[in-house]
Protein backbone atom coordinates (compact mmCIF):
# COMPACT_ATOMS: atom_id res chain seq x y z
CA MET A 1 17.63 -8.12 15.17
CA ALA A 2 18.95 -11.68 16.10
CA VAL A 3 16.81 -14.10 17.36
CA PRO A 4 17.93 -16.08 19.77
CA ALA A 5 18.71 -20.06 18.36
CA THR A 6 16.23 -21.44 21.08
CA VAL A 7 14.03 -19.03 20.45
CA VAL A 8 13.88 -20.07 16.90
CA ALA A 9 13.94 -24.10 17.59
CA HIS A 10 10.79 -23.70 20.11
CA ALA A 11 8.95 -21.13 17.62
CA ARG A 12 9.64 -23.40 14.81
CA HIS A 13 8.97 -26.42 16.33
CA ALA A 14 5.62 -24.66 17.15
CA ALA A 15 4.40 -23.73 14.03
CA GLU A 16 6.56 -25.73 11.92
CA PRO A 17 5.20 -26.15 8.45
CA ALA A 18 3.56 -29.43 7.44
CA ALA A 19 5.32 -31.27 4.49
CA PHE A 20 2.10 -32.04 3.30
CA SER A 21 -0.10 -28.96 2.27
CA LEU A 22 -3.68 -28.81 1.40
CA TYR A 23 -2.68 -25.50 -0.67
CA GLN A 24 -0.33 -26.81 -2.79
CA PRO A 25 -0.87 -27.34 -7.15
CA LEU A 26 -2.01 -31.43 -7.56
CA SER A 27 1.05 -31.35 -9.95
CA VAL A 28 3.67 -31.91 -6.81
CA LEU A 29 1.56 -34.82 -5.95
CA ILE A 30 2.14 -36.89 -9.11
CA ARG A 31 5.18 -38.29 -8.86
CA ARG A 32 4.76 -40.88 -12.08
CA ALA A 33 3.05 -41.67 -15.28
CA PRO A 34 -0.05 -42.46 -15.27
CA VAL A 35 -0.63 -46.32 -15.84
CA THR A 36 -3.34 -46.46 -18.47
CA CYS A 37 -4.39 -49.10 -21.28
CA PRO A 38 -6.50 -48.82 -24.30
CA THR A 39 -10.14 -49.10 -25.00
CA GLY A 40 -11.17 -53.07 -25.46
CA THR A 41 -8.16 -54.47 -23.07
CA VAL A 42 -9.27 -57.60 -21.76
CA LEU A 43 -9.61 -57.69 -18.13
CA ARG A 44 -6.82 -60.22 -17.60
CA GLU A 45 -4.41 -58.08 -18.72
CA ALA A 46 -5.76 -54.89 -17.24
CA VAL A 47 -5.49 -56.45 -13.64
CA ALA A 48 -2.06 -58.18 -14.43
CA ARG A 49 -0.74 -54.44 -15.59
CA MET A 50 -2.37 -53.13 -12.48
CA VAL A 51 -0.78 -56.27 -10.02
CA ALA A 52 2.72 -55.22 -11.46
CA GLU A 53 2.43 -52.08 -10.98
CA HIS A 54 1.02 -52.51 -7.41
CA LEU A 55 -1.57 -49.69 -8.45
CA GLY A 56 -5.42 -49.92 -7.09
CA ALA A 57 -6.83 -48.51 -10.30
CA ILE A 58 -6.37 -48.24 -14.44
CA VAL A 59 -7.15 -45.61 -16.47
CA VAL A 60 -8.81 -46.40 -20.22
CA VAL A 61 -8.06 -43.50 -22.72
CA ASN A 62 -8.00 -43.03 -26.10
CA GLY A 63 -5.32 -42.69 -29.10
CA ASP A 64 -4.81 -38.89 -27.48
CA MET A 65 -4.26 -39.75 -24.00
CA SER A 66 -7.88 -38.42 -23.16
CA PRO A 67 -9.51 -40.40 -20.21
CA LEU A 68 -12.77 -42.67 -21.63
CA GLY A 69 -12.95 -44.28 -18.02
CA ILE A 70 -11.46 -45.69 -14.89
CA VAL A 71 -11.00 -48.99 -13.26
CA THR A 72 -10.48 -49.86 -9.75
CA ALA A 73 -9.73 -52.79 -7.46
CA HIS A 74 -13.31 -52.19 -6.10
CA ASP A 75 -14.56 -52.24 -9.64
CA LEU A 76 -13.47 -55.57 -10.26
CA LEU A 77 -14.43 -57.00 -6.83
CA ALA A 78 -17.90 -56.01 -6.98
CA ARG A 79 -18.31 -55.78 -11.07
CA VAL A 80 -16.19 -59.01 -11.99
CA LEU A 81 -15.36 -61.36 -9.19
CA LEU A 82 -18.29 -61.23 -6.59
CA ALA A 83 -20.70 -60.71 -9.84
CA GLY A 84 -19.12 -64.12 -11.46
CA GLY A 85 -18.33 -62.21 -14.69
CA ASP A 86 -15.22 -63.22 -17.07
CA LEU A 87 -11.72 -61.71 -16.83
CA ASP A 88 -11.66 -62.46 -20.56
CA ALA A 89 -14.34 -59.72 -21.04
CA SER A 90 -13.28 -55.98 -23.01
CA ILE A 91 -12.93 -53.44 -20.17
CA ASP A 92 -15.31 -51.18 -21.71
CA GLY A 93 -18.18 -52.88 -19.96
CA VAL A 94 -16.75 -52.74 -16.63
CA MET A 95 -15.20 -49.56 -16.18
CA SER A 96 -16.95 -46.16 -14.40
CA THR A 97 -16.92 -43.57 -17.35
CA GLN A 98 -18.55 -40.90 -14.71
CA LEU A 99 -14.96 -39.36 -13.95
CA VAL A 100 -13.79 -36.55 -11.82
CA THR A 101 -10.90 -34.47 -13.08
CA LEU A 102 -8.98 -31.62 -12.01
CA PRO A 103 -6.34 -29.25 -13.71
CA PRO A 104 -2.68 -29.30 -12.31
CA GLU A 105 -2.84 -26.47 -11.09
CA ALA A 106 -5.74 -27.15 -8.84
CA THR A 107 -5.17 -27.81 -5.18
CA THR A 108 -4.93 -30.34 -2.67
CA GLN A 109 -7.81 -29.31 -1.04
CA ASP A 110 -9.59 -29.09 -4.70
CA ALA A 111 -9.36 -32.70 -5.07
CA LEU A 112 -9.81 -33.54 -1.38
CA ARG A 113 -13.12 -31.59 -2.04
CA VAL A 114 -14.44 -33.27 -4.92
CA MET A 115 -13.50 -36.62 -3.66
CA ALA A 116 -15.70 -36.14 -0.38
CA ARG A 117 -18.49 -34.84 -2.57
CA HIS A 118 -18.27 -37.76 -5.45
CA ALA A 119 -17.73 -40.22 -2.95
CA VAL A 120 -14.55 -41.45 -5.46
CA ARG A 121 -11.03 -42.45 -4.34
CA TYR A 122 -9.05 -41.23 -7.61
CA VAL A 123 -9.26 -37.79 -8.93
CA LEU A 124 -7.92 -37.77 -13.00
CA VAL A 125 -5.52 -34.54 -13.80
CA VAL A 126 -5.90 -33.44 -17.31
CA GLY A 127 -4.13 -30.77 -18.64
CA ARG A 128 -4.40 -29.34 -22.41
CA GLY A 129 -6.42 -30.44 -24.91
CA GLU A 130 -7.86 -32.89 -21.63
CA ARG A 131 -4.80 -34.87 -21.64
CA LEU A 132 -4.68 -36.97 -18.78
CA VAL A 133 -1.00 -36.41 -16.90
CA GLY A 134 -1.65 -38.23 -14.08
CA VAL A 135 -3.82 -39.94 -11.40
CA VAL A 136 -3.69 -38.56 -8.04
CA SER A 137 -5.49 -41.19 -4.95
CA ARG A 138 -7.07 -40.64 -1.64
CA THR A 139 -3.64 -41.54 0.01
CA ASP A 140 -1.94 -38.89 -1.69
CA VAL A 141 -4.27 -36.22 -0.57
CA TYR A 142 -4.53 -36.84 2.83
CA GLY A 143 -0.26 -37.83 3.03
CA THR A 144 0.24 -39.97 5.76
CA GLN A 145 -1.14 -38.14 8.19
CA GLN A 146 -5.38 -39.35 8.58
CA ILE A 147 -5.70 -35.77 10.24
CA VAL A 148 -9.78 -35.52 9.60
CA PRO A 149 -11.57 -38.71 9.46
CA GLU A 150 -13.77 -39.56 6.21
CA GLU A 151 -16.95 -39.49 8.77
CA ILE A 152 -16.34 -35.79 8.85
CA LEU A 153 -15.54 -34.89 5.25
CA GLY A 154 -18.20 -36.99 3.64
CA PRO A 155 -21.35 -35.46 5.81
CA LEU A 156 -19.91 -32.05 5.36
CA ALA A 157 -19.78 -32.55 1.36
CA SER A 158 -22.90 -34.22 0.85
CA ALA A 159 -24.99 -33.01 3.86
CA ARG A 160 -28.83 -33.09 1.77
CA SER A 161 -30.29 -30.61 3.97
CA PRO A 162 -29.25 -27.67 5.73
CA ASN A 163 -29.74 -29.58 9.24
CA GLU A 164 -27.46 -31.80 8.33
CA LEU A 165 -25.03 -29.53 7.34
CA ALA A 166 -25.34 -27.35 10.19
CA ASP A 167 -24.64 -30.87 12.09
CA ALA A 168 -21.66 -31.28 10.33
CA ALA A 169 -19.96 -28.31 10.80
CA ALA A 170 -20.22 -28.59 14.37
CA THR A 171 -18.77 -31.64 14.30
CA ALA A 172 -15.77 -30.13 12.47
CA ARG A 173 -15.77 -27.33 14.54
CA ARG A 174 -15.15 -29.57 17.90
CA LEU A 175 -12.42 -31.77 15.67
CA ALA A 176 -10.84 -28.17 15.21
CA ARG A 177 -11.04 -27.86 18.47
CA ARG A 178 -9.08 -31.35 19.28
CA LEU A 179 -6.43 -30.65 17.10
CA VAL A 180 -5.36 -27.60 18.98
CA THR A 181 -5.98 -29.33 22.44
CA GLN A 182 -3.54 -32.08 20.38
CA GLY A 183 -0.78 -29.35 19.74
CA LEU A 184 -1.00 -29.90 16.39
CA ALA A 185 0.98 -27.11 14.62
CA ALA A 186 -0.94 -23.95 13.80
CA GLU A 187 0.23 -24.07 10.46
CA LYS A 188 -1.41 -26.96 10.07
CA VAL A 189 -4.81 -26.75 12.32
CA ILE A 190 -5.46 -23.39 10.53
CA GLN A 191 -4.97 -25.62 6.84
CA TRP A 192 -7.55 -27.81 8.19
CA THR A 193 -9.84 -25.14 9.47
CA SER A 194 -10.04 -23.26 6.39
CA SER A 195 -10.39 -26.71 4.27
CA LEU A 196 -13.59 -27.94 6.69
CA ASN A 197 -15.09 -24.36 5.96
CA ASP A 198 -14.77 -24.32 2.48
CA LEU A 199 -16.53 -27.79 2.38
CA VAL A 200 -19.37 -26.20 4.30
CA THR A 201 -19.19 -23.08 2.26
CA ALA A 202 -19.36 -25.28 -0.94
CA ARG A 203 -21.55 -27.64 0.16
CA ALA A 204 -24.09 -24.35 1.44
CA ILE A 205 -23.74 -22.86 -2.15
CA GLU A 206 -25.08 -26.01 -3.54
CA LEU A 207 -28.02 -26.59 -1.21
CA MET A 208 -28.81 -23.49 -2.08
CA LYS A 209 -28.10 -23.33 -5.75
CA VAL A 210 -31.05 -25.48 -6.56
CA ARG A 211 -33.75 -23.55 -4.82
CA PHE A 212 -33.12 -20.32 -6.68
CA PRO A 213 -33.37 -19.79 -10.70
CA LEU A 214 -29.60 -18.48 -10.59
CA PRO A 215 -28.56 -16.60 -14.27
CA ASP A 216 -26.86 -18.45 -17.14
CA LEU A 217 -23.76 -16.90 -16.99
CA ALA A 218 -20.36 -17.39 -15.21
CA TRP A 219 -20.31 -16.41 -11.59
CA SER A 220 -18.07 -16.98 -8.72
CA TRP A 221 -18.43 -16.81 -4.79
CA VAL A 222 -15.19 -15.27 -3.51
CA SER A 223 -14.00 -14.84 -0.07
CA PHE A 224 -12.30 -11.59 1.63
CA GLY A 225 -10.19 -11.55 4.92
CA SER A 226 -9.33 -14.03 6.39
CA LYS A 227 -10.81 -16.82 4.63
CA GLY A 228 -9.47 -15.29 1.19
CA ARG A 229 -5.68 -15.58 3.23
CA LEU A 230 -7.10 -19.23 4.05
CA GLU A 231 -5.75 -17.86 7.37
CA GLN A 232 -9.06 -19.12 9.61
CA THR A 233 -9.15 -19.49 13.28
CA LEU A 234 -11.10 -20.92 15.40
CA SER A 235 -13.21 -17.88 15.93
CA THR A 236 -14.30 -16.32 12.31
CA GLU A 237 -17.37 -14.18 10.62
CA GLN A 238 -18.19 -14.26 6.86
CA ASN A 239 -16.74 -12.18 4.65
CA ASN A 240 -17.73 -12.81 1.03
CA GLY A 241 -19.05 -11.76 -2.24
CA ILE A 242 -20.29 -12.77 -5.84
CA VAL A 243 -18.51 -11.81 -8.54
CA PHE A 244 -20.35 -12.51 -11.88
CA ALA A 245 -19.93 -11.90 -15.68
CA LEU A 246 -22.19 -9.85 -18.29
CA PRO A 247 -23.93 -11.60 -21.47
CA GLU A 248 -21.70 -10.24 -24.56
CA ALA A 249 -24.43 -10.48 -26.75
CA PRO A 250 -26.09 -7.28 -27.19
CA GLY A 251 -29.70 -8.31 -28.49
CA ALA A 252 -30.19 -10.26 -25.16
CA ALA A 253 -28.04 -8.15 -22.92
CA LEU A 254 -28.91 -8.03 -18.78
CA THR A 255 -28.20 -5.20 -17.44
CA ALA A 256 -25.73 -5.84 -13.81
CA THR A 257 -28.97 -4.56 -11.85
CA GLU A 258 -31.08 -7.11 -13.55
CA VAL A 259 -28.52 -10.02 -12.81
CA ARG A 260 -27.74 -8.58 -9.36
CA ALA A 261 -31.68 -9.02 -8.34
CA GLN A 262 -31.35 -12.59 -9.69
CA PHE A 263 -28.28 -13.84 -7.55
CA LEU A 264 -28.97 -11.56 -4.27
CA PRO A 265 -32.06 -13.94 -2.92
CA PHE A 266 -29.65 -17.05 -3.28
CA ALA A 267 -26.97 -15.23 -1.92
CA GLN A 268 -28.47 -14.09 1.39
CA ALA A 269 -29.94 -17.88 1.38
CA VAL A 270 -26.29 -18.85 1.69
CA ASN A 271 -25.63 -16.42 3.94
CA GLN A 272 -28.38 -17.28 6.44
CA LEU A 273 -27.04 -20.87 6.21
CA LEU A 274 -23.56 -20.11 7.08
CA ASP A 275 -25.18 -18.48 9.91
CA GLU A 276 -26.91 -21.33 11.09
CA CYS A 277 -23.42 -23.56 10.77
CA GLY A 278 -21.45 -21.17 13.15
CA PHE A 279 -20.60 -18.43 10.82
CA PRO A 280 -21.67 -15.18 12.41
CA LEU A 281 -22.98 -12.52 9.51
CA GLY A 282 -19.91 -10.06 9.34
CA ARG A 283 -20.14 -7.15 11.61
CA GLY A 284 -19.55 -4.78 8.26
CA GLN A 285 -21.92 -6.54 5.73
CA GLY A 286 -19.32 -7.44 3.51
CA MET A 287 -21.24 -10.65 2.00
CA ALA A 288 -22.51 -11.47 -0.73
CA GLY A 289 -26.08 -10.94 0.23
CA ASN A 290 -25.23 -7.11 0.05
CA ALA A 291 -25.45 -5.66 -3.07
CA GLU A 292 -22.49 -3.56 -2.45
CA TYR A 293 -20.67 -6.95 -2.76
CA CYS A 294 -22.55 -8.73 -5.53
CA LEU A 295 -20.97 -6.89 -8.57
CA ALA A 296 -20.00 -7.53 -12.53
CA LEU A 297 -16.35 -8.30 -12.94
CA THR A 298 -16.58 -4.70 -14.41
CA GLU A 299 -18.11 -2.70 -11.51
CA TRP A 300 -15.69 -4.69 -8.76
CA GLN A 301 -12.89 -3.17 -11.24
CA ASP A 302 -14.10 -0.02 -10.78
CA ARG A 303 -14.53 -0.10 -7.03
CA PHE A 304 -11.36 -1.39 -6.72
CA ARG A 305 -10.02 1.53 -8.86
CA SER A 306 -11.90 3.74 -6.71
CA TRP A 307 -10.39 2.30 -3.70
CA THR A 308 -6.73 2.74 -5.26
CA SER A 309 -7.55 6.03 -6.69
CA SER A 310 -8.11 7.21 -2.95
CA ALA A 311 -5.60 7.92 -0.24
CA ASP A 312 -8.44 8.06 2.68
CA SER A 313 -7.22 6.45 5.84
CA LYS A 314 -10.19 5.84 6.98
CA GLY A 315 -11.39 4.24 3.60
CA LEU A 316 -8.25 2.24 3.25
CA ALA A 317 -8.95 0.66 6.81
CA SER A 318 -12.24 -0.58 5.45
CA SER A 319 -11.20 -1.86 2.33
CA GLY A 320 -8.21 -3.33 3.21
CA LEU A 321 -9.46 -6.95 3.47
CA PHE A 322 -10.79 -7.02 0.21
CA PHE A 323 -7.65 -7.02 -1.47
CA ASP A 324 -6.99 -10.28 0.20
CA PHE A 325 -9.20 -12.60 -2.02
CA ARG A 326 -9.77 -15.83 -3.85
CA SER A 327 -12.56 -17.72 -5.71
CA LEU A 328 -14.11 -20.25 -3.53
CA TYR A 329 -16.89 -21.98 -5.91
CA GLY A 330 -17.85 -21.15 -9.51
CA CYS A 331 -15.55 -19.34 -12.12
CA GLY A 332 -12.25 -19.32 -11.03
CA GLU A 333 -11.45 -17.69 -14.33
CA LEU A 334 -13.36 -14.28 -13.67
CA VAL A 335 -11.69 -13.81 -10.09
CA GLU A 336 -7.78 -14.19 -11.64
CA THR A 337 -9.32 -11.79 -14.53
CA LEU A 338 -9.69 -9.20 -11.14
CA ARG A 339 -6.73 -10.35 -9.77
CA SER A 340 -4.75 -8.98 -12.79
CA ALA A 341 -6.58 -5.74 -12.85
CA VAL A 342 -6.20 -5.16 -8.77
CA LEU A 343 -2.65 -5.71 -9.03
CA ALA A 344 -1.87 -3.23 -12.19
CA LEU A 345 -4.31 -0.56 -10.38
CA ALA A 346 -2.61 -0.85 -7.32
CA ARG A 347 0.89 -0.71 -9.11
CA SER A 348 -0.08 2.41 -11.26
CA GLN A 349 -0.97 4.27 -7.59
CA PRO A 350 2.18 5.36 -6.00
CA ALA A 351 0.15 7.05 -3.72
CA PHE A 352 -2.35 4.75 -2.67
CA LEU A 353 0.19 2.33 -1.41
CA LYS A 354 1.99 4.86 0.34
CA ALA A 355 -1.26 5.37 1.79
CA MET A 356 -1.82 2.00 2.65
CA ALA A 357 1.51 1.73 3.82
CA SER A 358 1.31 4.48 6.22
CA ASN A 359 -2.07 2.89 7.39
CA ALA A 360 -0.71 -0.26 8.11
CA LEU A 361 1.65 1.51 10.78
CA LEU A 362 -1.03 2.28 12.92
CA ALA A 363 -1.47 -1.04 14.41
CA VAL A 364 1.29 -0.82 16.67
CA PRO A 365 3.46 -4.08 18.27
CA PRO A 366 2.37 -3.62 22.00
CA LEU A 367 6.16 -3.75 23.17
CA GLY A 368 7.12 -1.81 26.46
CA MET A 369 10.64 -1.41 28.02
CA VAL A 370 12.88 -4.47 28.18
CA ARG A 371 10.71 -7.77 28.80
CA THR A 372 7.30 -5.63 29.04
CA PHE A 373 4.53 -5.21 27.23
CA ILE A 374 1.85 -2.38 26.95
CA VAL A 375 -1.42 -3.83 27.99
CA ASP A 376 -5.11 -2.97 27.61
CA LYS A 377 -5.85 -1.89 31.12
CA LYS A 378 -9.49 0.00 30.14
CA ASN A 379 -10.48 -3.06 28.33
CA ALA A 380 -13.33 -5.70 29.70
CA ALA A 381 -10.41 -7.62 29.86
CA PRO A 382 -8.10 -5.52 31.48
CA ASN A 383 -3.97 -6.49 31.54
CA THR A 384 -4.32 -7.80 27.90
CA ILE A 385 -3.09 -7.59 24.44
CA ASP A 386 -5.13 -8.30 21.54
CA LEU A 387 -3.71 -11.19 19.90
CA LYS A 388 -5.11 -10.12 16.79
CA ALA A 389 -5.26 -6.38 16.26
CA THR A 390 -1.83 -5.58 17.58
CA GLY A 391 -0.36 -9.26 16.98
CA VAL A 392 -1.45 -10.79 13.40
CA ARG A 393 -2.64 -7.61 12.05
CA PRO A 394 0.87 -5.88 11.64
CA TYR A 395 1.89 -8.71 10.27
CA VAL A 396 -1.04 -8.92 7.53
CA ASP A 397 -1.45 -5.14 6.39
CA ALA A 398 2.48 -5.03 6.12
CA VAL A 399 2.83 -8.10 4.04
CA ARG A 400 0.22 -7.13 2.11
CA VAL A 401 1.57 -3.59 0.96
CA LEU A 402 4.99 -5.26 -0.13
CA ALA A 403 2.79 -7.99 -2.16
CA LEU A 404 0.79 -5.12 -4.12
CA THR A 405 3.62 -2.87 -4.24
CA HIS A 406 5.69 -5.47 -5.99
CA GLY A 407 3.11 -6.94 -7.62
CA ILE A 408 2.79 -10.30 -5.92
CA SER A 409 -0.62 -12.61 -6.54
CA ALA A 410 -0.15 -14.78 -3.48
CA THR A 411 -3.23 -13.73 -1.02
CA GLY A 412 -1.81 -15.49 2.41
CA THR A 413 0.33 -13.65 4.55
CA VAL A 414 2.93 -16.51 4.71
CA GLU A 415 2.70 -17.31 0.91
CA ARG A 416 3.06 -13.38 0.32
CA LEU A 417 6.71 -13.95 2.84
CA ARG A 418 7.68 -16.49 0.84
CA ALA A 419 7.05 -15.14 -2.96
CA LEU A 420 8.93 -11.96 -1.62
CA VAL A 421 11.95 -14.41 -1.04
CA ALA A 422 11.61 -15.90 -4.28
CA ALA A 423 11.45 -12.50 -6.26
CA GLN A 424 14.73 -12.41 -4.13
CA LEU A 425 12.97 -8.59 -2.39
CA ILE A 426 13.51 -10.07 1.02
CA SER A 427 15.76 -12.24 2.34
CA GLU A 428 15.27 -16.33 3.08
CA GLU A 429 16.59 -15.01 6.64
CA ASP A 430 14.25 -12.41 7.48
CA ALA A 431 11.30 -13.99 5.66
CA GLN A 432 11.42 -17.17 7.58
CA ALA A 433 12.04 -15.00 10.91
CA ALA A 434 8.79 -13.47 10.32
CA ILE A 435 6.92 -16.79 9.22
CA ASP A 436 8.17 -18.38 13.02
CA GLY A 437 6.62 -15.24 14.40
CA PHE A 438 3.10 -14.55 12.33
CA GLN A 439 2.46 -18.77 13.13
CA PHE A 440 3.91 -18.50 16.90
CA LEU A 441 0.85 -15.69 17.28
CA GLN A 442 -1.41 -17.53 15.25
CA MET A 443 -0.92 -20.85 17.82
CA LEU A 444 -1.39 -18.44 20.90
CA ARG A 445 -4.72 -17.21 19.05
CA LEU A 446 -5.95 -20.78 18.04
CA ARG A 447 -4.80 -21.76 22.06
CA ASN A 448 -6.74 -19.05 23.22
CA GLN A 449 -10.01 -19.20 21.48
CA GLN A 450 -10.03 -22.89 22.36
CA GLN A 451 -11.47 -21.93 25.38
CA HIS A 452 -13.88 -19.38 24.27
CA GLY A 453 -16.74 -19.71 21.84
CA ASN A 454 -17.03 -18.16 18.40
CA GLY A 455 -17.92 -14.42 18.83
CA ASP A 456 -16.38 -13.99 21.94
CA ALA A 457 -14.56 -11.07 22.19
CA SER A 458 -12.40 -12.14 25.01
CA ALA A 459 -11.05 -14.87 22.14
CA ASP A 460 -8.48 -13.02 20.74
CA ARG A 461 -7.07 -11.27 24.01
CA LEU A 462 -4.47 -12.77 26.46
CA ASN A 463 -2.55 -11.70 28.87
CA PRO A 464 1.16 -11.96 28.33
CA TYR A 465 2.13 -12.36 31.86
CA LYS A 466 0.09 -15.75 32.15
CA LEU A 467 2.58 -17.08 29.64
CA ASN A 468 5.70 -18.78 30.99
CA ARG A 469 9.10 -17.37 30.38
CA LEU A 470 10.02 -18.95 27.21
CA GLU A 471 6.92 -18.29 25.75
CA ARG A 472 7.33 -14.71 26.81
CA GLN A 473 10.54 -14.44 25.74
CA ILE A 474 9.06 -15.97 22.03
CA LEU A 475 6.34 -13.82 21.96
CA ARG A 476 8.71 -10.17 22.16
CA HIS A 477 10.31 -11.35 19.16
CA ALA A 478 7.54 -12.52 17.33
CA PHE A 479 6.19 -8.49 17.81
CA MET A 480 10.00 -6.97 17.26
CA GLN A 481 9.49 -8.63 13.83
CA SER A 482 6.23 -7.48 12.89
CA ARG A 483 7.89 -3.90 14.15
CA GLY A 484 10.81 -5.23 11.43
CA LEU A 485 8.60 -5.34 8.57
CA GLN A 486 6.76 -2.08 9.74
CA GLN A 487 10.00 -0.35 9.79
CA ARG A 488 10.81 -2.15 6.28
CA LEU A 489 7.81 -0.25 5.15
CA LYS A 490 9.07 3.37 6.76
CA ALA A 491 12.36 2.79 4.98
CA GLU A 492 10.61 1.89 1.12
CA TYR A 493 8.05 4.53 1.34
CA LYS A 494 9.87 7.19 3.11
CA LEU A 495 7.60 7.59 6.08
């Protein structure tokens, strides 16, 4: 169904995607070859190169382009000029050798996190064989918009105690609410909210990790649901788990039960700290501190195998959020191995996909007759609609099924829609209309939640007739777009 141009323009203004994305790979930020010098270079020559190239840092490399150290303008000021050093000395005595590196496929958000954690201004991007492929600065990461001040990022990433982290998290929540008040686009608010929440979680893990003896095995803290999709709003709860590898040496092998027993006290402590930081324990107890969600890689594969071999609608309703997952901390390779297995399992079970498609039709967009909405009259907040259950959920559920059906590895709703366009499975026009509608609903949720506390049952409930006429028109078209996605599922699965 065609959407009026004025409606589209208004919706895109309200939910305009930022050119700067926290989830783009660092390779996108690299705009030039790294400026380097070999070990033994005279400082005067290095400074002249930095001035000529208008750079704040130069990287010292070996003959294979592997980084050995970095010298910044701050280093030169503190270690040479103010210390009365000699510019004709070797750069080796001044360079910092404690380097912070990331691979090209790491995200801008990853760079933001490690910069804040290590209090550095530069991240070295290294590819195969530890070869330097680029340098990303704090300015590159922030883009041209200083949305989140460093006095918030710093304490989040370097809090020294649970109390400090809880205080920093409260400050971050206030900032997120202020961004909504300032009218920042929904996608950008959600990006920053998810990023700040990631910083809180990563720091909580680091604080608790030193207090518990953890097994020397590869493991990852995994986020599910809205956090797994990077779609967290102002009102959110915990949905997380742990995936771990089992030792391969037969003689020293631990069972999954033994490894789990070592992880659970640590995971429960992290869950409790996150609760104190403003992230309530999930109502479904789908958390890492629960033995049901602290599993070996093979156990997770068996769990997903069980889900995909079932067509039980009740089970699908409770397990759906687990298909939206990502690694937040630890060994990301384990999670990607699991993702590949899950995509293969889903595509091999057409009955499961059809049942999931049928389940995705249960959340009906609340469209009434012409220019009306179907409101809930029996709820504690009468004459309202649920922006999450009947607004956002139809999008999330329908797009998840389409992604699993076609082997799309992305987890976010918008990213999945764009991946479907890239695979020529949906038109760009239809995808953009769906993205506009989805982001408009997210904007309404943020605006509504801004007036409520986390966990407030009214945070996602809205009386549509209190919106102005244009917003009501856009809301109707947002619901029409989710209905259109559901119609696509009906046609594809003959429901």
